[in-house]
Amino acid sequence: ILQDRPFIEHYRKNESDEWLIRFIYGFEA
């Protein structure tokens, strides 16, 4: 979670043990 703006980096491990990333930003996200 970033402190200076509404922005989150979301890492998740999939079924193949690979890590994927999503960027989520904005107050309505």
PDB file of all heavy atoms in Angstrom:
ATOM      1  N   ILE A   1       0.849  -1.186   0.000  1.00  0.00           N
ATOM      2  CA  ILE A   1       0.000   0.000   0.000  1.00  0.00           C
ATOM      3  C   ILE A   1       0.889   1.241   0.000  1.00  0.00           C
ATOM      4  O   ILE A   1       1.726   1.408   0.887  1.00  0.00           O
ATOM      5  CB  ILE A   1      -0.916   0.014   1.242  1.00  0.00           C
ATOM      6  CG1 ILE A   1      -1.791  -1.245   1.249  1.00  0.00           C
ATOM      7  CG2 ILE A   1      -1.746   1.289   1.290  1.00  0.00           C
ATOM      8  CD1 ILE A   1      -2.606  -1.411   2.518  1.00  0.00           C
ATOM      9  N   LEU A   2       0.706   2.093  -0.983  1.00  0.00           N
ATOM     10  CA  LEU A   2       1.455   3.349  -1.036  1.00  0.00           C
ATOM     11  C   LEU A   2       0.832   4.355  -0.072  1.00  0.00           C
ATOM     12  O   LEU A   2      -0.386   4.375   0.095  1.00  0.00           O
ATOM     13  CB  LEU A   2       1.478   3.922  -2.445  1.00  0.00           C
ATOM     14  CG  LEU A   2       2.586   3.371  -3.362  1.00  0.00           C
ATOM     15  CD1 LEU A   2       2.380   1.917  -3.680  1.00  0.00           C
ATOM     16  CD2 LEU A   2       2.718   4.207  -4.584  1.00  0.00           C
ATOM     17  N   GLN A   3       1.661   5.197   0.515  1.00  0.00           N
ATOM     18  CA  GLN A   3       1.181   6.185   1.480  1.00  0.00           C
ATOM     19  C   GLN A   3       0.726   7.485   0.847  1.00  0.00           C
ATOM     20  O   GLN A   3      -0.149   8.159   1.386  1.00  0.00           O
ATOM     21  CB  GLN A   3       2.292   6.538   2.471  1.00  0.00           C
ATOM     22  CG  GLN A   3       2.653   5.464   3.416  1.00  0.00           C
ATOM     23  CD  GLN A   3       3.727   5.942   4.398  1.00  0.00           C
ATOM     24  OE1 GLN A   3       4.183   7.078   4.357  1.00  0.00           O
ATOM     25  NE2 GLN A   3       4.123   5.058   5.289  1.00  0.00           N
ATOM     26  N   ASP A   4       1.311   7.846  -0.278  1.00  0.00           N
ATOM     27  CA  ASP A   4       1.103   9.194  -0.806  1.00  0.00           C
ATOM     28  C   ASP A   4       0.027   9.319  -1.867  1.00  0.00           C
ATOM     29  O   ASP A   4      -0.265  10.413  -2.328  1.00  0.00           O
ATOM     30  CB  ASP A   4       2.416   9.757  -1.339  1.00  0.00           C
ATOM     31  CG  ASP A   4       2.991   8.926  -2.479  1.00  0.00           C
ATOM     32  OD1 ASP A   4       2.532   7.786  -2.686  1.00  0.00           O
ATOM     33  OD2 ASP A   4       3.911   9.418  -3.153  1.00  0.00           O
ATOM     34  N   ARG A   5      -0.572   8.219  -2.260  1.00  0.00           N
ATOM     35  CA  ARG A   5      -1.675   8.257  -3.232  1.00  0.00           C
ATOM     36  C   ARG A   5      -2.422   6.932  -3.165  1.00  0.00           C
ATOM     37  O   ARG A   5      -1.879   5.938  -2.711  1.00  0.00           O
ATOM     38  CB  ARG A   5      -1.166   8.538  -4.640  1.00  0.00           C
ATOM     39  CG  ARG A   5      -0.268   7.480  -5.219  1.00  0.00           C
ATOM     40  CD  ARG A   5       0.246   7.932  -6.605  1.00  0.00           C
ATOM     41  NE  ARG A   5       0.903   6.850  -7.297  1.00  0.00           N
ATOM     42  CZ  ARG A   5       2.206   6.593  -7.228  1.00  0.00           C
ATOM     43  NH1 ARG A   5       2.989   7.348  -6.497  1.00  0.00           N
ATOM     44  NH2 ARG A   5       2.719   5.594  -7.892  1.00  0.00           N
ATOM     45  N   PRO A   6      -3.671   6.885  -3.630  1.00  0.00           N
ATOM     46  CA  PRO A   6      -4.439   5.640  -3.574  1.00  0.00           C
ATOM     47  C   PRO A   6      -3.945   4.654  -4.645  1.00  0.00           C
ATOM     48  O   PRO A   6      -4.426   4.649  -5.779  1.00  0.00           O
ATOM     49  CB  PRO A   6      -5.876   6.090  -3.819  1.00  0.00           C
ATOM     50  CG  PRO A   6      -5.754   7.356  -4.584  1.00  0.00           C
ATOM     51  CD  PRO A   6      -4.477   8.000  -4.130  1.00  0.00           C
ATOM     52  N   PHE A   7      -2.986   3.851  -4.259  1.00  0.00           N
ATOM     53  CA  PHE A   7      -2.343   2.928  -5.197  1.00  0.00           C
ATOM     54  C   PHE A   7      -1.879   1.695  -4.424  1.00  0.00           C
ATOM     55  O   PHE A   7      -1.223   1.820  -3.391  1.00  0.00           O
ATOM     56  CB  PHE A   7      -1.144   3.610  -5.858  1.00  0.00           C
ATOM     57  CG  PHE A   7      -0.525   2.816  -6.973  1.00  0.00           C
ATOM     58  CD1 PHE A   7      -0.935   3.004  -8.280  1.00  0.00           C
ATOM     59  CD2 PHE A   7       0.470   1.879  -6.707  1.00  0.00           C
ATOM     60  CE1 PHE A   7      -0.352   2.282  -9.314  1.00  0.00           C
ATOM     61  CE2 PHE A   7       1.051   1.150  -7.735  1.00  0.00           C
ATOM     62  CZ  PHE A   7       0.639   1.347  -9.038  1.00  0.00           C
ATOM     63  N   ILE A   8      -2.221   0.540  -4.946  1.00  0.00           N
ATOM     64  CA  ILE A   8      -1.859  -0.729  -4.320  1.00  0.00           C
ATOM     65  C   ILE A   8      -1.214  -1.631  -5.361  1.00  0.00           C
ATOM     66  O   ILE A   8      -1.676  -1.725  -6.499  1.00  0.00           O
ATOM     67  CB  ILE A   8      -3.100  -1.422  -3.721  1.00  0.00           C
ATOM     68  CG1 ILE A   8      -3.556  -0.643  -2.492  1.00  0.00           C
ATOM     69  CG2 ILE A   8      -2.833  -2.883  -3.378  1.00  0.00           C
ATOM     70  CD1 ILE A   8      -4.766  -1.189  -1.819  1.00  0.00           C
ATOM     71  N   GLU A   9      -0.142  -2.289  -4.942  1.00  0.00           N
ATOM     72  CA  GLU A   9       0.467  -3.349  -5.740  1.00  0.00           C
ATOM     73  C   GLU A   9      -0.007  -4.664  -5.129  1.00  0.00           C
ATOM     74  O   GLU A   9       0.192  -4.905  -3.934  1.00  0.00           O
ATOM     75  CB  GLU A   9       1.990  -3.267  -5.676  1.00  0.00           C
ATOM     76  CG  GLU A   9       2.537  -1.992  -6.269  1.00  0.00           C
ATOM     77  CD  GLU A   9       4.037  -1.854  -6.070  1.00  0.00           C
ATOM     78  OE1 GLU A   9       4.730  -2.881  -5.856  1.00  0.00           O
ATOM     79  OE2 GLU A   9       4.521  -0.713  -6.126  1.00  0.00           O
ATOM     80  N   HIS A  10      -0.652  -5.475  -5.942  1.00  0.00           N
ATOM     81  CA  HIS A  10      -1.232  -6.736  -5.455  1.00  0.00           C
ATOM     82  C   HIS A  10      -0.546  -7.895  -6.169  1.00  0.00           C
ATOM     83  O   HIS A  10      -0.744  -8.105  -7.354  1.00  0.00           O
ATOM     84  CB  HIS A  10      -2.732  -6.748  -5.739  1.00  0.00           C
ATOM     85  CG  HIS A  10      -3.426  -7.976  -5.280  1.00  0.00           C
ATOM     86  ND1 HIS A  10      -4.700  -8.280  -5.678  1.00  0.00           N
ATOM     87  CD2 HIS A  10      -3.053  -8.989  -4.457  1.00  0.00           C
ATOM     88  CE1 HIS A  10      -5.074  -9.420  -5.124  1.00  0.00           C
ATOM     89  NE2 HIS A  10      -4.080  -9.864  -4.384  1.00  0.00           N
ATOM     90  N   TYR A  11       0.272  -8.631  -5.422  1.00  0.00           N
ATOM     91  CA  TYR A  11       0.964  -9.801  -5.959  1.00  0.00           C
ATOM     92  C   TYR A  11       0.204 -11.044  -5.527  1.00  0.00           C
ATOM     93  O   TYR A  11      -0.250 -11.129  -4.383  1.00  0.00           O
ATOM     94  CB  TYR A  11       2.391  -9.880  -5.404  1.00  0.00           C
ATOM     95  CG  TYR A  11       3.259  -8.714  -5.775  1.00  0.00           C
ATOM     96  CD1 TYR A  11       3.233  -7.541  -5.044  1.00  0.00           C
ATOM     97  CD2 TYR A  11       4.124  -8.786  -6.863  1.00  0.00           C
ATOM     98  CE1 TYR A  11       4.041  -6.459  -5.372  1.00  0.00           C
ATOM     99  CE2 TYR A  11       4.935  -7.710  -7.206  1.00  0.00           C
ATOM    100  CZ  TYR A  11       4.883  -6.554  -6.450  1.00  0.00           C
ATOM    101  OH  TYR A  11       5.682  -5.491  -6.788  1.00  0.00           O
ATOM    102  N   ARG A  12       0.087 -11.999  -6.432  1.00  0.00           N
ATOM    103  CA  ARG A  12      -0.554 -13.257  -6.064  1.00  0.00           C
ATOM    104  C   ARG A  12       0.119 -14.409  -6.783  1.00  0.00           C
ATOM    105  O   ARG A  12       0.598 -14.267  -7.914  1.00  0.00           O
ATOM    106  CB  ARG A  12      -2.043 -13.238  -6.362  1.00  0.00           C
ATOM    107  CG  ARG A  12      -2.382 -13.199  -7.829  1.00  0.00           C
ATOM    108  CD  ARG A  12      -3.895 -13.284  -8.054  1.00  0.00           C
ATOM    109  NE  ARG A  12      -4.182 -13.189  -9.457  1.00  0.00           N
ATOM    110  CZ  ARG A  12      -4.181 -14.218 -10.301  1.00  0.00           C
ATOM    111  NH1 ARG A  12      -3.917 -15.418  -9.878  1.00  0.00           N
ATOM    112  NH2 ARG A  12      -4.444 -14.040 -11.582  1.00  0.00           N
ATOM    113  N   LYS A  13       0.149 -15.537  -6.111  1.00  0.00           N
ATOM    114  CA  LYS A  13       0.747 -16.742  -6.677  1.00  0.00           C
ATOM    115  C   LYS A  13      -0.347 -17.548  -7.361  1.00  0.00           C
ATOM    116  O   LYS A  13      -1.397 -17.806  -6.773  1.00  0.00           O
ATOM    117  CB  LYS A  13       1.413 -17.561  -5.556  1.00  0.00           C
ATOM    118  CG  LYS A  13       2.143 -18.780  -6.045  1.00  0.00           C
ATOM    119  CD  LYS A  13       3.024 -19.404  -4.977  1.00  0.00           C
ATOM    120  CE  LYS A  13       2.278 -19.837  -3.764  1.00  0.00           C
ATOM    121  NZ  LYS A  13       3.109 -20.624  -2.831  1.00  0.00           N
ATOM    122  N   ASN A  14      -0.102 -17.953  -8.613  1.00  0.00           N
ATOM    123  CA  ASN A  14      -1.102 -18.739  -9.328  1.00  0.00           C
ATOM    124  C   ASN A  14      -0.857 -20.241  -9.124  1.00  0.00           C
ATOM    125  O   ASN A  14       0.047 -20.645  -8.400  1.00  0.00           O
ATOM    126  CB  ASN A  14      -1.168 -18.347 -10.811  1.00  0.00           C
ATOM    127  CG  ASN A  14       0.066 -18.724 -11.590  1.00  0.00           C
ATOM    128  OD1 ASN A  14       0.914 -19.501 -11.151  1.00  0.00           O
ATOM    129  ND2 ASN A  14       0.182 -18.164 -12.790  1.00  0.00           N
ATOM    130  N   GLU A  15      -1.654 -21.055  -9.797  1.00  0.00           N
ATOM    131  CA  GLU A  15      -1.575 -22.507  -9.653  1.00  0.00           C
ATOM    132  C   GLU A  15      -0.228 -23.078 -10.097  1.00  0.00           C
ATOM    133  O   GLU A  15       0.171 -24.156  -9.680  1.00  0.00           O
ATOM    134  CB  GLU A  15      -2.695 -23.191 -10.458  1.00  0.00           C
ATOM    135  CG  GLU A  15      -4.101 -22.790 -10.056  1.00  0.00           C
ATOM    136  CD  GLU A  15      -4.516 -21.455 -10.679  1.00  0.00           C
ATOM    137  OE1 GLU A  15      -4.019 -21.081 -11.767  1.00  0.00           O
ATOM    138  OE2 GLU A  15      -5.325 -20.764 -10.036  1.00  0.00           O
ATOM    139  N   SER A  16       0.490 -22.364 -10.952  1.00  0.00           N
ATOM    140  CA  SER A  16       1.805 -22.801 -11.437  1.00  0.00           C
ATOM    141  C   SER A  16       2.950 -22.244 -10.583  1.00  0.00           C
ATOM    142  O   SER A  16       4.101 -22.294 -10.990  1.00  0.00           O
ATOM    143  CB  SER A  16       2.000 -22.351 -12.894  1.00  0.00           C
ATOM    144  OG  SER A  16       0.986 -22.858 -13.700  1.00  0.00           O
ATOM    145  N   ASP A  17       2.614 -21.685  -9.434  1.00  0.00           N
ATOM    146  CA  ASP A  17       3.589 -21.063  -8.527  1.00  0.00           C
ATOM    147  C   ASP A  17       4.309 -19.875  -9.150  1.00  0.00           C
ATOM    148  O   ASP A  17       5.430 -19.547  -8.776  1.00  0.00           O
ATOM    149  CB  ASP A  17       4.606 -22.085  -8.010  1.00  0.00           C
ATOM    150  CG  ASP A  17       4.006 -23.026  -6.983  1.00  0.00           C
ATOM    151  OD1 ASP A  17       2.972 -22.666  -6.377  1.00  0.00           O
ATOM    152  OD2 ASP A  17       4.565 -24.112  -6.785  1.00  0.00           O
ATOM    153  N   GLU A  18       3.660 -19.214 -10.089  1.00  0.00           N
ATOM    154  CA  GLU A  18       4.189 -17.978 -10.677  1.00  0.00           C
ATOM    155  C   GLU A  18       3.519 -16.809  -9.963  1.00  0.00           C
ATOM    156  O   GLU A  18       2.336 -16.865  -9.636  1.00  0.00           O
ATOM    157  CB  GLU A  18       3.859 -17.907 -12.167  1.00  0.00           C
ATOM    158  CG  GLU A  18       4.444 -19.035 -12.967  1.00  0.00           C
ATOM    159  CD  GLU A  18       3.855 -19.111 -14.371  1.00  0.00           C
ATOM    160  OE1 GLU A  18       2.640 -18.895 -14.527  1.00  0.00           O
ATOM    161  OE2 GLU A  18       4.630 -19.388 -15.285  1.00  0.00           O
ATOM    162  N   TRP A  19       4.278 -15.757  -9.738  1.00  0.00           N
ATOM    163  CA  TRP A  19       3.736 -14.575  -9.088  1.00  0.00           C
ATOM    164  C   TRP A  19       3.298 -13.565 -10.131  1.00  0.00           C
ATOM    165  O   TRP A  19       4.072 -13.188 -11.008  1.00  0.00           O
ATOM    166  CB  TRP A  19       4.772 -13.971  -8.141  1.00  0.00           C
ATOM    167  CG  TRP A  19       4.886 -14.781  -6.887  1.00  0.00           C
ATOM    168  CD1 TRP A  19       5.683 -15.858  -6.674  1.00  0.00           C
ATOM    169  CD2 TRP A  19       4.135 -14.599  -5.696  1.00  0.00           C
ATOM    170  NE1 TRP A  19       5.487 -16.357  -5.415  1.00  0.00           N
ATOM    171  CE2 TRP A  19       4.544 -15.594  -4.792  1.00  0.00           C
ATOM    172  CE3 TRP A  19       3.174 -13.680  -5.285  1.00  0.00           C
ATOM    173  CZ2 TRP A  19       4.013 -15.702  -3.501  1.00  0.00           C
ATOM    174  CZ3 TRP A  19       2.652 -13.780  -4.005  1.00  0.00           C
ATOM    175  CH2 TRP A  19       3.070 -14.781  -3.137  1.00  0.00           C
ATOM    176  N   LEU A  20       2.043 -13.149 -10.044  1.00  0.00           N
ATOM    177  CA  LEU A  20       1.461 -12.158 -10.946  1.00  0.00           C
ATOM    178  C   LEU A  20       1.227 -10.877 -10.154  1.00  0.00           C
ATOM    179  O   LEU A  20       1.021 -10.911  -8.943  1.00  0.00           O
ATOM    180  CB  LEU A  20       0.144 -12.672 -11.515  1.00  0.00           C
ATOM    181  CG  LEU A  20       0.203 -14.058 -12.170  1.00  0.00           C
ATOM    182  CD1 LEU A  20      -1.189 -14.518 -12.559  1.00  0.00           C
ATOM    183  CD2 LEU A  20       1.136 -14.045 -13.363  1.00  0.00           C
ATOM    184  N   ILE A  21       1.234  -9.762 -10.858  1.00  0.00           N
ATOM    185  CA  ILE A  21       1.027  -8.480 -10.189  1.00  0.00           C
ATOM    186  C   ILE A  21      -0.121  -7.724 -10.844  1.00  0.00           C
ATOM    187  O   ILE A  21      -0.299  -7.775 -12.063  1.00  0.00           O
ATOM    188  CB  ILE A  21       2.314  -7.616 -10.192  1.00  0.00           C
ATOM    189  CG1 ILE A  21       2.098  -6.346  -9.395  1.00  0.00           C
ATOM    190  CG2 ILE A  21       2.771  -7.330 -11.600  1.00  0.00           C
ATOM    191  CD1 ILE A  21       3.345  -5.526  -9.166  1.00  0.00           C
ATOM    192  N   ARG A  22      -0.901  -7.061 -10.012  1.00  0.00           N
ATOM    193  CA  ARG A  22      -1.957  -6.148 -10.458  1.00  0.00           C
ATOM    194  C   ARG A  22      -1.713  -4.804  -9.787  1.00  0.00           C
ATOM    195  O   ARG A  22      -1.337  -4.761  -8.614  1.00  0.00           O
ATOM    196  CB  ARG A  22      -3.340  -6.640 -10.027  1.00  0.00           C
ATOM    197  CG  ARG A  22      -3.870  -7.786 -10.821  1.00  0.00           C
ATOM    198  CD  ARG A  22      -5.283  -8.089 -10.390  1.00  0.00           C
ATOM    199  NE  ARG A  22      -5.212  -8.967  -9.230  1.00  0.00           N
ATOM    200  CZ  ARG A  22      -6.227  -9.643  -8.750  1.00  0.00           C
ATOM    201  NH1 ARG A  22      -7.416  -9.528  -9.275  1.00  0.00           N
ATOM    202  NH2 ARG A  22      -6.069 -10.421  -7.707  1.00  0.00           N
ATOM    203  N   PHE A  23      -1.911  -3.747 -10.535  1.00  0.00           N
ATOM    204  CA  PHE A  23      -1.832  -2.404  -9.975  1.00  0.00           C
ATOM    205  C   PHE A  23      -3.250  -1.882  -9.839  1.00  0.00           C
ATOM    206  O   PHE A  23      -4.019  -1.897 -10.799  1.00  0.00           O
ATOM    207  CB  PHE A  23      -1.006  -1.483 -10.877  1.00  0.00           C
ATOM    208  CG  PHE A  23       0.414  -1.950 -11.029  1.00  0.00           C
ATOM    209  CD1 PHE A  23       0.856  -2.492 -12.225  1.00  0.00           C
ATOM    210  CD2 PHE A  23       1.305  -1.849  -9.979  1.00  0.00           C
ATOM    211  CE1 PHE A  23       2.165  -2.930 -12.371  1.00  0.00           C
ATOM    212  CE2 PHE A  23       2.622  -2.276 -10.117  1.00  0.00           C
ATOM    213  CZ  PHE A  23       3.044  -2.817 -11.311  1.00  0.00           C
ATOM    214  N   ILE A  24      -3.598  -1.425  -8.653  1.00  0.00           N
ATOM    215  CA  ILE A  24      -4.950  -0.962  -8.369  1.00  0.00           C
ATOM    216  C   ILE A  24      -4.825   0.471  -7.877  1.00  0.00           C
ATOM    217  O   ILE A  24      -4.086   0.741  -6.919  1.00  0.00           O
ATOM    218  CB  ILE A  24      -5.601  -1.855  -7.292  1.00  0.00           C
ATOM    219  CG1 ILE A  24      -5.570  -3.324  -7.754  1.00  0.00           C
ATOM    220  CG2 ILE A  24      -7.020  -1.414  -7.002  1.00  0.00           C
ATOM    221  CD1 ILE A  24      -5.666  -4.318  -6.647  1.00  0.00           C
ATOM    222  N   TYR A  25      -5.529   1.386  -8.527  1.00  0.00           N
ATOM    223  CA  TYR A  25      -5.371   2.783  -8.154  1.00  0.00           C
ATOM    224  C   TYR A  25      -6.672   3.541  -8.295  1.00  0.00           C
ATOM    225  O   TYR A  25      -7.558   3.153  -9.064  1.00  0.00           O
ATOM    226  CB  TYR A  25      -4.264   3.458  -8.968  1.00  0.00           C
ATOM    227  CG  TYR A  25      -4.383   3.257 -10.457  1.00  0.00           C
ATOM    228  CD1 TYR A  25      -5.088   4.161 -11.238  1.00  0.00           C
ATOM    229  CD2 TYR A  25      -3.809   2.151 -11.074  1.00  0.00           C
ATOM    230  CE1 TYR A  25      -5.213   3.966 -12.597  1.00  0.00           C
ATOM    231  CE2 TYR A  25      -3.937   1.955 -12.432  1.00  0.00           C
ATOM    232  CZ  TYR A  25      -4.636   2.868 -13.189  1.00  0.00           C
ATOM    233  OH  TYR A  25      -4.757   2.664 -14.543  1.00  0.00           O
ATOM    234  N   GLY A  26      -6.777   4.600  -7.513  1.00  0.00           N
ATOM    235  CA  GLY A  26      -7.965   5.451  -7.512  1.00  0.00           C
ATOM    236  C   GLY A  26      -8.884   5.098  -6.349  1.00  0.00           C
ATOM    237  O   GLY A  26      -9.016   3.940  -5.976  1.00  0.00           O
ATOM    238  N   PHE A  27      -9.511   6.097  -5.794  1.00  0.00           N
ATOM    239  CA  PHE A  27     -10.371   5.890  -4.628  1.00  0.00           C
ATOM    240  C   PHE A  27     -11.555   4.971  -4.905  1.00  0.00           C
ATOM    241  O   PHE A  27     -12.050   4.320  -4.002  1.00  0.00           O
ATOM    242  CB  PHE A  27     -10.876   7.239  -4.095  1.00  0.00           C
ATOM    243  CG  PHE A  27      -9.807   8.051  -3.448  1.00  0.00           C
ATOM    244  CD1 PHE A  27      -9.360   9.228  -4.030  1.00  0.00           C
ATOM    245  CD2 PHE A  27      -9.233   7.647  -2.255  1.00  0.00           C
ATOM    246  CE1 PHE A  27      -8.374   9.988  -3.421  1.00  0.00           C
ATOM    247  CE2 PHE A  27      -8.243   8.394  -1.641  1.00  0.00           C
ATOM    248  CZ  PHE A  27      -7.810   9.567  -2.229  1.00  0.00           C
ATOM    249  N   GLU A  28     -12.012   4.917  -6.126  1.00  0.00           N
ATOM    250  CA  GLU A  28     -13.173   4.076  -6.447  1.00  0.00           C
ATOM    251  C   GLU A  28     -12.793   2.646  -6.810  1.00  0.00           C
ATOM    252  O   GLU A  28     -13.663   1.787  -6.958  1.00  0.00           O
ATOM    253  CB  GLU A  28     -13.987   4.713  -7.577  1.00  0.00           C
ATOM    254  CG  GLU A  28     -14.529   6.095  -7.230  1.00  0.00           C
ATOM    255  CD  GLU A  28     -15.288   6.124  -5.909  1.00  0.00           C
ATOM    256  OE1 GLU A  28     -16.124   5.237  -5.673  1.00  0.00           O
ATOM    257  OE2 GLU A  28     -15.031   7.044  -5.105  1.00  0.00           O
ATOM    258  N   ALA A  29     -11.515   2.356  -6.926  1.00  0.00           N
ATOM    259  CA  ALA A  29     -11.064   1.001  -7.264  1.00  0.00           C
ATOM    260  C   ALA A  29     -11.294   0.067  -6.074  1.00  0.00           C
ATOM    261  O   ALA A  29     -11.444   0.495  -4.935  1.00  0.00           O
ATOM    262  CB  ALA A  29      -9.592   1.026  -7.641  1.00  0.00           C
TER     263      ALA A  29
END
